[in-house]
Amino acid sequence: MRGPVLVTMTAGLFLSACASPDAIVRFGAPNAGFAETEKTVRDALGKETAWIQSSQEAAQTAERVHALVHRKTINADTAVQVALLNNRGLQAAYAELGLSAADRWQVTMQPNPVISIGIMGIGADGVGPFRAVEGMIANNLLALATQERRNDIADTRFRQAQLRAAEETLRVAMEARTGWIDAVAAFEAAALVRQAEGTADAASELAAQLGETGFLNKSGQARDQAFHAELAGQRARALLDAQLAKERLTRALGLWGTDVDYFVPDALPKLPAGPSTRPGIEAEALARRVDLAIAKLELEAVAREKRLTDATRFVSDLELIAGFESERETDEATGARETDTTGQIEVEFDIPIFDSGRARLKSAEAAYLRAAHQLAEKAVNVRSEAREAHLALTGAHRIARHYRDTVLPLRRQIEEEALLSYNAMITSPFDLLADIREGLNSSLSEAQARADFWRAEAGLVGAIYGGGTPGGGGGRTVVPQGGGAAEH
């Protein structure tokens, strides 16, 4: 019969729209797309990350993190590794990648066909339970015709999602490294305040003896006491700042419970002999910046969407409907029942009388121009940020080296001579207090310059690969901060 033949032909057309097994394997996997994110992170940081999707994986990761931090003194690399494994916000970003994989998988699926069955003439005389039965099956031909283009657009969007997950990973790594630098710098500054207190205590004992003999008047004694009170206030403030800095680091690492019982060193690493030189840093950043790659893919996706809009400007909906109608009749002369089956094909589409698609096309053109300008702006900014990061690194190293090699040796010499003169009663206590205060300021400035260098070095990685660039080269003020023990 013609009806079943038409239905069979139409069913073959519909089955051709089914998703391929490769697409199901690729986008239906639990960690779909994560391998590319892992590779980007490994190339940029030399660290590993994990996408936790089960209670067993969560328990294994928690055990590993506990072994890395519990009652341990962690360095910057350990802080970064812990953050990549344990930061829950990062896991949420990886879940966004899973959502994007599901969306990409969904695009491979055609709209479900619509089947309709109708029974007419129910209870009519002489024809049995019904007079006729009609069956129809409909599917969207436009979706079939544009499947390849929609797959290309979805692929581009999925690659963007992979890079966004990598960008968030780089951002978390940057936050952990700079948080570690800030915490260690805080405790180092605190140790300097305590060291100044020790020097002032030695002078205070002699000042008290001079006050008892009448050699130092009450005004001088009050000045000495005020200086000690100021140092005590600085130390208290420093301790609080250091504790707060460590708490910010704890948040970046995603630690809680007993895992917060960890330590950081009491001083930042020494200044290296020279900063790393990268003469081709602009080209390197243009080739490796994740956010620039995302902007390029955005332009590519918008261009593909514009071409699809242009192709479907006049016809936005096209459906093929195929089916059959089977009608039964009874011959009055013989009483025999006859069944007549006929095939049926319909095509439904919109007539572009009121909406010619010009508005959709204009919107697509504007979106393309916007993406093109955003990409151009991003390229300009990436070049500038790369140069800025390199300038910050070399400048911070030069400033820190100046404090280390010139300022601090002079201050130590001045302080030593001042103590000798004070003990010999050649200089007044006020001169000694001034020298101690100025020496403390110079030591804090050297610590700040060294911290700025390490921040700038972290920022250089961000300028090349993405994930943010922390301010370096004096953009951050280090105040005296508390502590002073070997571990904190």
Protein backbone atom coordinates (compact mmCIF):
# COMPACT_ATOMS: atom_id res chain seq x y z
CA MET A 1 0.00 0.00 0.00
CA ARG A 2 1.12 3.54 -0.63
CA GLY A 3 0.57 4.75 2.94
CA PRO A 4 3.08 2.41 4.62
CA VAL A 5 5.61 3.12 1.85
CA LEU A 6 5.42 6.86 2.48
CA VAL A 7 5.73 6.35 6.21
CA THR A 8 8.78 4.13 5.72
CA MET A 9 10.47 6.69 3.49
CA THR A 10 9.76 9.49 5.94
CA ALA A 11 11.00 7.41 8.87
CA GLY A 12 14.29 6.86 7.05
CA LEU A 13 14.68 10.61 6.65
CA PHE A 14 14.00 11.15 10.33
CA LEU A 15 16.42 8.47 11.45
CA SER A 16 19.19 10.21 9.51
CA ALA A 17 18.82 13.10 11.93
CA CYS A 18 19.72 11.03 14.99
CA ALA A 19 22.86 11.96 16.93
CA SER A 20 26.01 10.07 15.97
CA PRO A 21 27.54 7.63 18.48
CA ASP A 22 30.74 9.71 18.44
CA ALA A 23 28.85 12.78 19.63
CA ILE A 24 27.23 10.79 22.42
CA VAL A 25 30.60 9.47 23.59
CA ARG A 26 32.31 12.84 23.29
CA PHE A 27 29.72 15.05 24.97
CA GLY A 28 27.99 12.49 27.16
CA ALA A 29 31.11 11.57 29.14
CA PRO A 30 31.12 12.76 32.79
CA ASN A 31 34.29 14.83 32.26
CA ALA A 32 33.53 15.97 28.70
CA GLY A 33 35.94 18.70 27.57
CA PHE A 34 38.02 18.67 30.75
CA ALA A 35 41.15 17.26 29.11
CA GLU A 36 41.68 20.50 27.19
CA THR A 37 41.30 22.53 30.39
CA GLU A 38 43.82 20.29 32.17
CA LYS A 39 46.33 20.71 29.34
CA THR A 40 46.05 24.51 29.39
CA VAL A 41 46.60 24.60 33.16
CA ARG A 42 49.52 22.18 33.00
CA ASP A 43 51.25 24.22 30.28
CA ALA A 44 50.78 27.48 32.19
CA LEU A 45 51.39 26.41 35.78
CA GLY A 46 52.91 22.96 35.75
CA LYS A 47 50.20 21.91 38.22
CA GLU A 48 47.33 19.46 38.11
CA THR A 49 43.69 20.08 38.77
CA ALA A 50 40.74 17.77 39.36
CA TRP A 51 37.05 17.75 38.54
CA ILE A 52 35.36 16.13 41.52
CA GLN A 53 32.10 14.38 40.59
CA SER A 54 31.59 11.68 43.19
CA SER A 55 31.81 11.23 46.94
CA GLN A 56 34.73 8.83 46.45
CA GLU A 57 36.70 11.41 44.44
CA ALA A 58 35.85 14.06 47.05
CA ALA A 59 37.14 11.84 49.85
CA GLN A 60 40.37 11.07 47.98
CA THR A 61 40.99 14.74 47.24
CA ALA A 62 40.27 15.72 50.86
CA GLU A 63 42.76 13.13 52.08
CA ARG A 64 45.43 14.42 49.70
CA VAL A 65 44.84 18.04 50.72
CA HIS A 66 45.00 17.12 54.39
CA ALA A 67 48.37 15.46 53.84
CA LEU A 68 49.66 18.59 52.09
CA VAL A 69 48.65 21.19 54.69
CA HIS A 70 47.85 19.76 58.11
CA ARG A 71 50.43 21.17 60.53
CA LYS A 72 52.76 21.76 57.59
CA THR A 73 54.60 24.92 56.53
CA ILE A 74 53.43 25.44 52.97
CA ASN A 75 55.27 27.26 50.21
CA ALA A 76 53.73 29.14 47.29
CA ASP A 77 53.67 26.12 44.96
CA THR A 78 51.89 24.01 47.57
CA ALA A 79 49.34 26.78 48.10
CA VAL A 80 48.58 26.85 44.39
CA GLN A 81 48.26 23.07 44.16
CA VAL A 82 45.93 22.93 47.16
CA ALA A 83 43.72 25.65 45.69
CA LEU A 84 43.45 23.82 42.37
CA LEU A 85 42.36 20.67 44.15
CA ASN A 86 40.21 22.09 46.92
CA ASN A 87 38.64 25.40 45.87
CA ARG A 88 34.87 24.82 45.64
CA GLY A 89 34.30 27.84 43.46
CA LEU A 90 36.60 26.24 40.91
CA GLN A 91 34.56 23.05 41.06
CA ALA A 92 31.47 25.15 40.30
CA ALA A 93 33.26 26.50 37.22
CA TYR A 94 33.95 22.94 36.09
CA ALA A 95 30.26 22.16 36.56
CA GLU A 96 29.56 25.01 34.13
CA LEU A 97 31.71 23.11 31.64
CA GLY A 98 29.48 20.09 32.21
CA LEU A 99 26.42 22.22 31.47
CA SER A 100 28.02 23.41 28.25
CA ALA A 101 28.77 19.81 27.23
CA ALA A 102 25.12 18.92 27.81
CA ASP A 103 24.04 21.89 25.68
CA ARG A 104 26.42 20.80 22.91
CA TRP A 105 25.06 17.27 23.09
CA GLN A 106 21.52 18.61 22.87
CA VAL A 107 22.32 20.45 19.62
CA THR A 108 23.15 17.13 17.96
CA MET A 109 19.60 16.01 18.63
CA GLN A 110 16.91 16.91 16.11
CA PRO A 111 13.48 18.01 17.34
CA ASN A 112 11.35 14.98 18.10
CA PRO A 113 8.90 14.04 15.34
CA VAL A 114 5.24 14.66 16.06
CA ILE A 115 2.91 11.73 15.44
CA SER A 116 -0.84 12.17 15.26
CA ILE A 117 -3.51 9.47 14.88
CA GLY A 118 -7.13 10.25 14.28
CA ILE A 119 -10.17 7.96 14.25
CA MET A 120 -13.30 9.21 12.52
CA GLY A 121 -16.81 7.92 12.20
CA ILE A 122 -16.83 6.15 15.55
CA GLY A 123 -20.02 4.11 15.85
CA ALA A 124 -21.20 4.83 12.30
CA ASP A 125 -23.75 2.39 10.93
CA GLY A 126 -22.51 -0.40 8.73
CA VAL A 127 -18.74 0.16 9.08
CA GLY A 128 -17.95 -1.34 12.44
CA PRO A 129 -16.37 0.58 15.30
CA PHE A 130 -15.14 3.44 13.10
CA ARG A 131 -15.28 4.67 9.56
CA ALA A 132 -11.69 5.92 8.97
CA VAL A 133 -8.29 6.13 10.60
CA GLU A 134 -5.69 8.77 9.80
CA GLY A 135 -2.00 8.77 10.79
CA MET A 136 0.50 11.61 10.34
CA ILE A 137 4.13 12.12 11.24
CA ALA A 138 5.80 15.55 11.10
CA ASN A 139 9.36 16.78 11.45
CA ASN A 140 11.23 20.02 11.00
CA LEU A 141 13.00 20.07 7.65
CA LEU A 142 14.74 23.36 8.39
CA ALA A 143 16.43 21.82 11.43
CA LEU A 144 17.68 18.99 9.23
CA ALA A 145 18.96 21.40 6.59
CA THR A 146 20.83 23.59 9.10
CA GLN A 147 22.13 20.79 11.32
CA GLU A 148 25.77 21.09 10.20
CA ARG A 149 25.84 24.85 10.71
CA ARG A 150 24.28 24.59 14.14
CA ASN A 151 26.80 21.91 15.09
CA ASP A 152 29.67 24.22 14.07
CA ILE A 153 28.27 27.06 16.20
CA ALA A 154 27.79 24.75 19.18
CA ASP A 155 31.35 23.41 18.79
CA THR A 156 32.70 26.95 18.95
CA ARG A 157 30.66 27.73 22.05
CA PHE A 158 31.85 24.54 23.70
CA ARG A 159 35.49 25.43 23.04
CA GLN A 160 34.79 28.79 24.66
CA ALA A 161 33.44 27.00 27.73
CA GLN A 162 36.62 24.91 27.94
CA LEU A 163 38.76 28.02 27.85
CA ARG A 164 36.59 29.80 30.42
CA ALA A 165 37.11 26.88 32.78
CA ALA A 166 40.87 27.16 32.19
CA GLU A 167 40.73 30.93 32.76
CA GLU A 168 38.95 30.45 36.08
CA THR A 169 41.58 27.88 37.07
CA LEU A 170 44.35 30.36 36.31
CA ARG A 171 42.52 33.04 38.32
CA VAL A 172 42.24 30.76 41.36
CA ALA A 173 45.92 29.87 41.07
CA MET A 174 46.83 33.56 40.91
CA GLU A 175 44.67 34.30 43.94
CA ALA A 176 46.33 31.53 45.94
CA ARG A 177 49.87 32.60 45.04
CA THR A 178 49.33 36.29 45.78
CA GLY A 179 47.46 35.38 48.96
CA TRP A 180 50.46 33.36 50.11
CA ILE A 181 52.80 36.26 49.28
CA ASP A 182 50.61 38.71 51.22
CA ALA A 183 50.42 36.46 54.27
CA VAL A 184 54.16 35.79 54.41
CA ALA A 185 54.96 39.47 53.82
CA ALA A 186 52.66 40.35 56.73
CA PHE A 187 54.45 38.06 59.15
CA GLU A 188 57.84 39.22 57.93
CA ALA A 189 56.88 42.85 58.55
CA ALA A 190 55.70 41.85 62.03
CA ALA A 191 59.09 40.31 62.79
CA LEU A 192 60.73 43.59 61.83
CA VAL A 193 58.51 45.50 64.27
CA ARG A 194 59.42 43.10 67.06
CA GLN A 195 63.08 43.46 66.17
CA ALA A 196 62.76 47.24 66.46
CA GLU A 197 61.05 46.75 69.82
CA GLY A 198 64.02 44.72 71.04
CA THR A 199 66.45 47.47 70.08
CA ALA A 200 64.24 50.09 71.72
CA ASP A 201 64.01 48.00 74.91
CA ALA A 202 67.79 48.07 75.32
CA ALA A 203 67.79 51.85 74.99
CA SER A 204 64.81 52.16 77.32
CA GLU A 205 66.66 50.49 80.18
CA LEU A 206 69.42 53.06 79.99
CA ALA A 207 66.87 55.86 79.68
CA ALA A 208 65.19 54.68 82.88
CA GLN A 209 68.53 54.73 84.72
CA LEU A 210 69.23 58.24 83.42
CA GLY A 211 65.81 59.34 84.62
CA GLU A 212 66.53 58.06 88.12
CA THR A 213 69.78 60.05 88.27
CA GLY A 214 68.06 63.16 86.93
CA PHE A 215 70.14 63.26 83.73
CA LEU A 216 66.97 62.66 81.62
CA ASN A 217 64.06 64.96 82.40
CA LYS A 218 60.42 63.93 82.52
CA SER A 219 59.80 65.14 78.97
CA GLY A 220 62.53 62.88 77.67
CA GLN A 221 61.19 59.94 79.65
CA ALA A 222 57.70 60.59 78.29
CA ARG A 223 59.01 60.59 74.73
CA ASP A 224 60.70 57.27 75.32
CA GLN A 225 57.52 55.78 76.76
CA ALA A 226 55.44 57.19 73.87
CA PHE A 227 57.77 55.55 71.35
CA HIS A 228 57.38 52.21 73.10
CA ALA A 229 53.61 52.63 73.16
CA GLU A 230 53.60 53.36 69.44
CA LEU A 231 55.63 50.26 68.74
CA ALA A 232 53.25 48.19 70.87
CA GLY A 233 50.31 49.55 68.87
CA GLN A 234 52.10 48.81 65.60
CA ARG A 235 52.80 45.27 66.74
CA ALA A 236 49.16 44.70 67.71
CA ARG A 237 48.01 46.09 64.39
CA ALA A 238 50.59 44.00 62.59
CA LEU A 239 49.45 40.83 64.30
CA LEU A 240 45.85 41.49 63.29
CA ASP A 241 46.80 42.26 59.68
CA ALA A 242 48.86 39.09 59.45
CA GLN A 243 46.04 36.97 60.85
CA LEU A 244 43.59 38.51 58.39
CA ALA A 245 45.98 37.93 55.49
CA LYS A 246 46.33 34.28 56.45
CA GLU A 247 42.55 33.96 56.71
CA ARG A 248 42.19 35.32 53.17
CA LEU A 249 44.71 32.72 52.04
CA THR A 250 42.69 30.02 53.81
CA ARG A 251 39.61 31.03 51.86
CA ALA A 252 41.51 30.93 48.57
CA LEU A 253 42.70 27.41 49.42
CA GLY A 254 39.18 26.30 50.35
CA LEU A 255 40.33 24.97 53.73
CA TRP A 256 38.16 24.34 56.78
CA GLY A 257 38.08 22.17 59.89
CA THR A 258 41.42 20.78 60.99
CA ASP A 259 43.00 21.70 57.67
CA VAL A 260 43.21 25.35 58.75
CA ASP A 261 45.96 24.24 61.13
CA TYR A 262 48.79 25.05 58.74
CA PHE A 263 51.72 27.46 58.73
CA VAL A 264 53.42 29.88 56.40
CA PRO A 265 57.11 30.87 56.52
CA ASP A 266 58.21 33.91 58.52
CA ALA A 267 59.87 35.60 55.52
CA LEU A 268 59.61 35.74 51.76
CA PRO A 269 62.35 34.15 49.64
CA LYS A 270 65.45 36.19 48.99
CA LEU A 271 65.65 38.34 45.91
CA PRO A 272 67.04 36.41 42.91
CA ALA A 273 70.11 37.64 41.09
CA GLY A 274 67.98 39.04 38.29
CA PRO A 275 64.42 38.95 36.94
CA SER A 276 63.47 36.63 34.13
CA THR A 277 63.81 38.41 30.80
CA ARG A 278 61.25 37.81 28.05
CA PRO A 279 62.03 39.98 25.02
CA GLY A 280 59.14 38.52 23.04
CA ILE A 281 56.55 38.81 25.78
CA GLU A 282 53.98 40.57 23.57
CA ALA A 283 53.99 37.81 20.98
CA GLU A 284 53.96 35.20 23.72
CA ALA A 285 50.92 36.76 25.35
CA LEU A 286 49.08 37.08 22.03
CA ALA A 287 49.67 33.39 21.37
CA ARG A 288 48.80 32.08 24.86
CA ARG A 289 46.29 34.41 26.54
CA VAL A 290 43.17 32.43 27.30
CA ASP A 291 40.83 35.44 27.34
CA LEU A 292 42.09 36.52 23.92
CA ALA A 293 41.39 33.03 22.57
CA ILE A 294 37.87 33.27 24.03
CA ALA A 295 37.35 36.58 22.24
CA LYS A 296 38.53 35.06 18.95
CA LEU A 297 36.08 32.20 19.34
CA GLU A 298 33.33 34.68 20.14
CA LEU A 299 33.93 36.43 16.83
CA GLU A 300 33.96 33.07 15.04
CA ALA A 301 30.71 31.98 16.68
CA VAL A 302 28.95 35.26 15.94
CA ALA A 303 30.11 35.07 12.31
CA ARG A 304 28.66 31.57 12.00
CA GLU A 305 25.43 32.69 13.64
CA LYS A 306 25.21 35.61 11.22
CA ARG A 307 25.56 33.29 8.22
CA LEU A 308 22.87 31.01 9.65
CA THR A 309 20.56 33.99 10.19
CA ASP A 310 21.16 35.13 6.63
CA ALA A 311 20.42 31.65 5.27
CA THR A 312 17.14 31.38 7.22
CA ARG A 313 16.10 34.99 6.80
CA PHE A 314 12.95 34.31 4.75
CA VAL A 315 12.10 30.79 5.89
CA SER A 316 12.37 30.34 9.65
CA ASP A 317 10.15 27.26 9.98
CA LEU A 318 9.68 24.42 7.50
CA GLU A 319 7.94 21.16 8.37
CA LEU A 320 7.33 17.99 6.35
CA ILE A 321 4.18 16.06 7.23
CA ALA A 322 3.61 12.57 5.81
CA GLY A 323 0.95 10.03 6.55
CA PHE A 324 -2.02 8.05 5.29
CA GLU A 325 -5.75 7.90 5.54
CA SER A 326 -7.57 4.56 5.60
CA GLU A 327 -11.37 4.65 5.08
CA ARG A 328 -13.74 1.71 5.25
CA GLU A 329 -17.06 1.48 3.34
CA THR A 330 -19.73 -1.22 3.01
CA ASP A 331 -21.10 -2.16 -0.41
CA GLU A 332 -24.87 -1.95 -0.12
CA ALA A 333 -25.44 -4.55 -2.83
CA THR A 334 -23.09 -7.27 -1.62
CA GLY A 335 -22.60 -6.19 2.03
CA ALA A 336 -18.83 -6.52 1.69
CA ARG A 337 -16.55 -4.03 3.43
CA GLU A 338 -13.87 -2.32 1.40
CA THR A 339 -10.88 -0.37 2.72
CA ASP A 340 -9.34 2.45 0.71
CA THR A 341 -5.94 3.70 1.86
CA THR A 342 -4.36 6.86 0.43
CA GLY A 343 -1.04 8.51 1.15
CA GLN A 344 -0.64 12.14 2.14
CA ILE A 345 2.26 14.60 2.17
CA GLU A 346 2.09 18.17 3.47
CA VAL A 347 4.65 20.94 3.77
CA GLU A 348 4.15 23.75 6.28
CA PHE A 349 6.18 26.96 6.27
CA ASP A 350 5.93 30.58 7.30
CA ILE A 351 5.14 33.18 4.68
CA PRO A 352 7.43 36.20 5.25
CA ILE A 353 4.75 38.83 4.65
CA PHE A 354 5.05 40.84 7.85
CA ASP A 355 8.47 39.69 9.06
CA SER A 356 11.05 39.59 6.30
CA GLY A 357 13.88 38.80 8.70
CA ARG A 358 15.59 42.17 8.24
CA ALA A 359 15.49 42.89 11.97
CA ARG A 360 17.15 39.56 12.79
CA LEU A 361 19.78 40.19 10.15
CA LYS A 362 20.50 43.68 11.48
CA SER A 363 20.86 42.27 14.99
CA ALA A 364 23.31 39.64 13.73
CA GLU A 365 25.38 42.27 11.91
CA ALA A 366 25.53 44.47 15.02
CA ALA A 367 26.55 41.49 17.14
CA TYR A 368 29.36 40.72 14.70
CA LEU A 369 30.65 44.30 14.78
CA ARG A 370 30.54 44.29 18.57
CA ALA A 371 32.53 41.05 18.77
CA ALA A 372 35.07 42.35 16.24
CA HIS A 373 35.68 45.56 18.20
CA GLN A 374 35.87 43.68 21.49
CA LEU A 375 38.50 41.37 20.01
CA ALA A 376 40.52 44.33 18.73
CA GLU A 377 40.33 46.00 22.14
CA LYS A 378 41.36 42.78 23.87
CA ALA A 379 44.39 42.40 21.57
CA VAL A 380 45.52 45.96 22.34
CA ASN A 381 45.04 45.43 26.07
CA VAL A 382 46.88 42.10 26.07
CA ARG A 383 49.91 43.71 24.45
CA SER A 384 49.87 46.56 26.96
CA GLU A 385 49.36 44.27 29.95
CA ALA A 386 52.27 42.11 28.86
CA ARG A 387 54.56 45.14 28.61
CA GLU A 388 53.26 46.46 31.92
CA ALA A 389 53.88 43.14 33.68
CA HIS A 390 57.44 42.98 32.35
CA LEU A 391 58.10 46.58 33.42
CA ALA A 392 56.66 45.86 36.86
CA LEU A 393 58.90 42.82 37.28
CA THR A 394 62.14 44.48 36.22
CA GLY A 395 61.31 47.71 38.09
CA ALA A 396 60.37 45.90 41.29
CA HIS A 397 63.59 43.90 41.18
CA ARG A 398 65.66 47.04 40.69
CA ILE A 399 63.95 48.82 43.61
CA ALA A 400 64.22 45.82 45.94
CA ARG A 401 67.89 45.37 45.04
CA HIS A 402 68.53 49.05 45.82
CA TYR A 403 67.03 48.70 49.30
CA ARG A 404 68.90 45.45 49.91
CA ASP A 405 72.33 46.57 48.67
CA THR A 406 72.35 50.27 49.54
CA VAL A 407 69.70 51.43 52.00
CA LEU A 408 69.76 48.61 54.55
CA PRO A 409 73.58 48.45 54.94
CA LEU A 410 73.64 52.19 55.56
CA ARG A 411 70.81 51.95 58.07
CA ARG A 412 72.52 49.13 59.94
CA GLN A 413 75.69 51.17 60.12
CA ILE A 414 73.80 54.22 61.39
CA GLU A 415 71.97 52.17 64.03
CA GLU A 416 75.14 50.50 65.27
CA GLU A 417 76.96 53.81 65.56
CA ALA A 418 73.94 55.37 67.26
CA LEU A 419 73.89 52.64 69.91
CA LEU A 420 77.59 53.02 70.57
CA SER A 421 77.26 56.77 70.89
CA TYR A 422 74.21 56.47 73.09
CA ASN A 423 75.89 53.96 75.41
CA ALA A 424 78.83 56.33 75.66
CA MET A 425 76.38 59.17 76.37
CA ILE A 426 77.60 61.08 73.32
CA THR A 427 74.17 61.39 71.70
CA SER A 428 70.77 61.99 73.26
CA PRO A 429 68.05 59.31 73.59
CA PHE A 430 65.94 61.24 71.12
CA ASP A 431 68.52 60.78 68.37
CA LEU A 432 68.58 57.05 69.06
CA LEU A 433 64.79 56.80 68.94
CA ALA A 434 64.74 58.65 65.63
CA ASP A 435 67.37 56.31 64.20
CA ILE A 436 65.41 53.25 65.36
CA ARG A 437 62.22 54.59 63.79
CA GLU A 438 63.93 55.41 60.49
CA GLY A 439 65.68 52.04 60.47
CA LEU A 440 62.36 50.29 60.97
CA ASN A 441 60.83 52.25 58.08
CA SER A 442 63.74 51.30 55.81
CA SER A 443 63.44 47.61 56.74
CA LEU A 444 59.71 47.68 56.07
CA SER A 445 60.29 49.40 52.74
CA GLU A 446 62.77 46.70 51.73
CA ALA A 447 60.30 43.99 52.70
CA GLN A 448 57.58 45.76 50.73
CA ALA A 449 59.81 46.07 47.66
CA ARG A 450 60.68 42.38 47.83
CA ALA A 451 57.02 41.44 48.20
CA ASP A 452 56.20 43.64 45.20
CA PHE A 453 58.77 41.75 43.16
CA TRP A 454 57.22 38.37 43.96
CA ARG A 455 53.76 39.74 43.18
CA ALA A 456 55.07 41.07 39.89
CA GLU A 457 56.54 37.68 39.05
CA ALA A 458 53.14 36.07 39.68
CA GLY A 459 51.56 38.81 37.57
CA LEU A 460 53.86 38.02 34.67
CA VAL A 461 52.33 34.54 34.43
CA GLY A 462 48.87 36.11 34.45
CA ALA A 463 49.85 38.56 31.72
CA ILE A 464 51.06 35.73 29.47
CA TYR A 465 48.40 33.10 30.11
CA GLY A 466 45.48 34.98 31.65
CA GLY A 467 43.67 34.78 34.95
CA GLY A 468 44.36 38.32 36.14
CA THR A 469 47.39 40.46 36.88
CA PRO A 470 47.90 41.55 40.51
CA GLY A 471 49.28 45.01 41.08
CA GLY A 472 53.04 45.05 41.58
CA GLY A 473 55.88 47.52 41.69
CA GLY A 474 54.75 49.64 44.59
CA GLY A 475 51.03 49.48 43.96
CA ARG A 476 50.51 47.89 47.37
CA THR A 477 51.53 49.32 50.73
CA VAL A 478 52.97 46.93 53.29
CA VAL A 479 52.41 48.10 56.84
CA PRO A 480 53.98 46.62 59.95
CA GLN A 481 52.18 43.35 60.55
CA GLY A 482 52.16 41.03 63.47
CA GLY A 483 53.73 37.78 64.50
CA GLY A 484 57.40 37.04 64.56
CA ALA A 485 57.54 33.31 65.15
CA ALA A 486 59.20 31.01 62.68
CA GLU A 487 55.83 29.59 61.58
CA HIS A 488 52.31 31.01 61.61
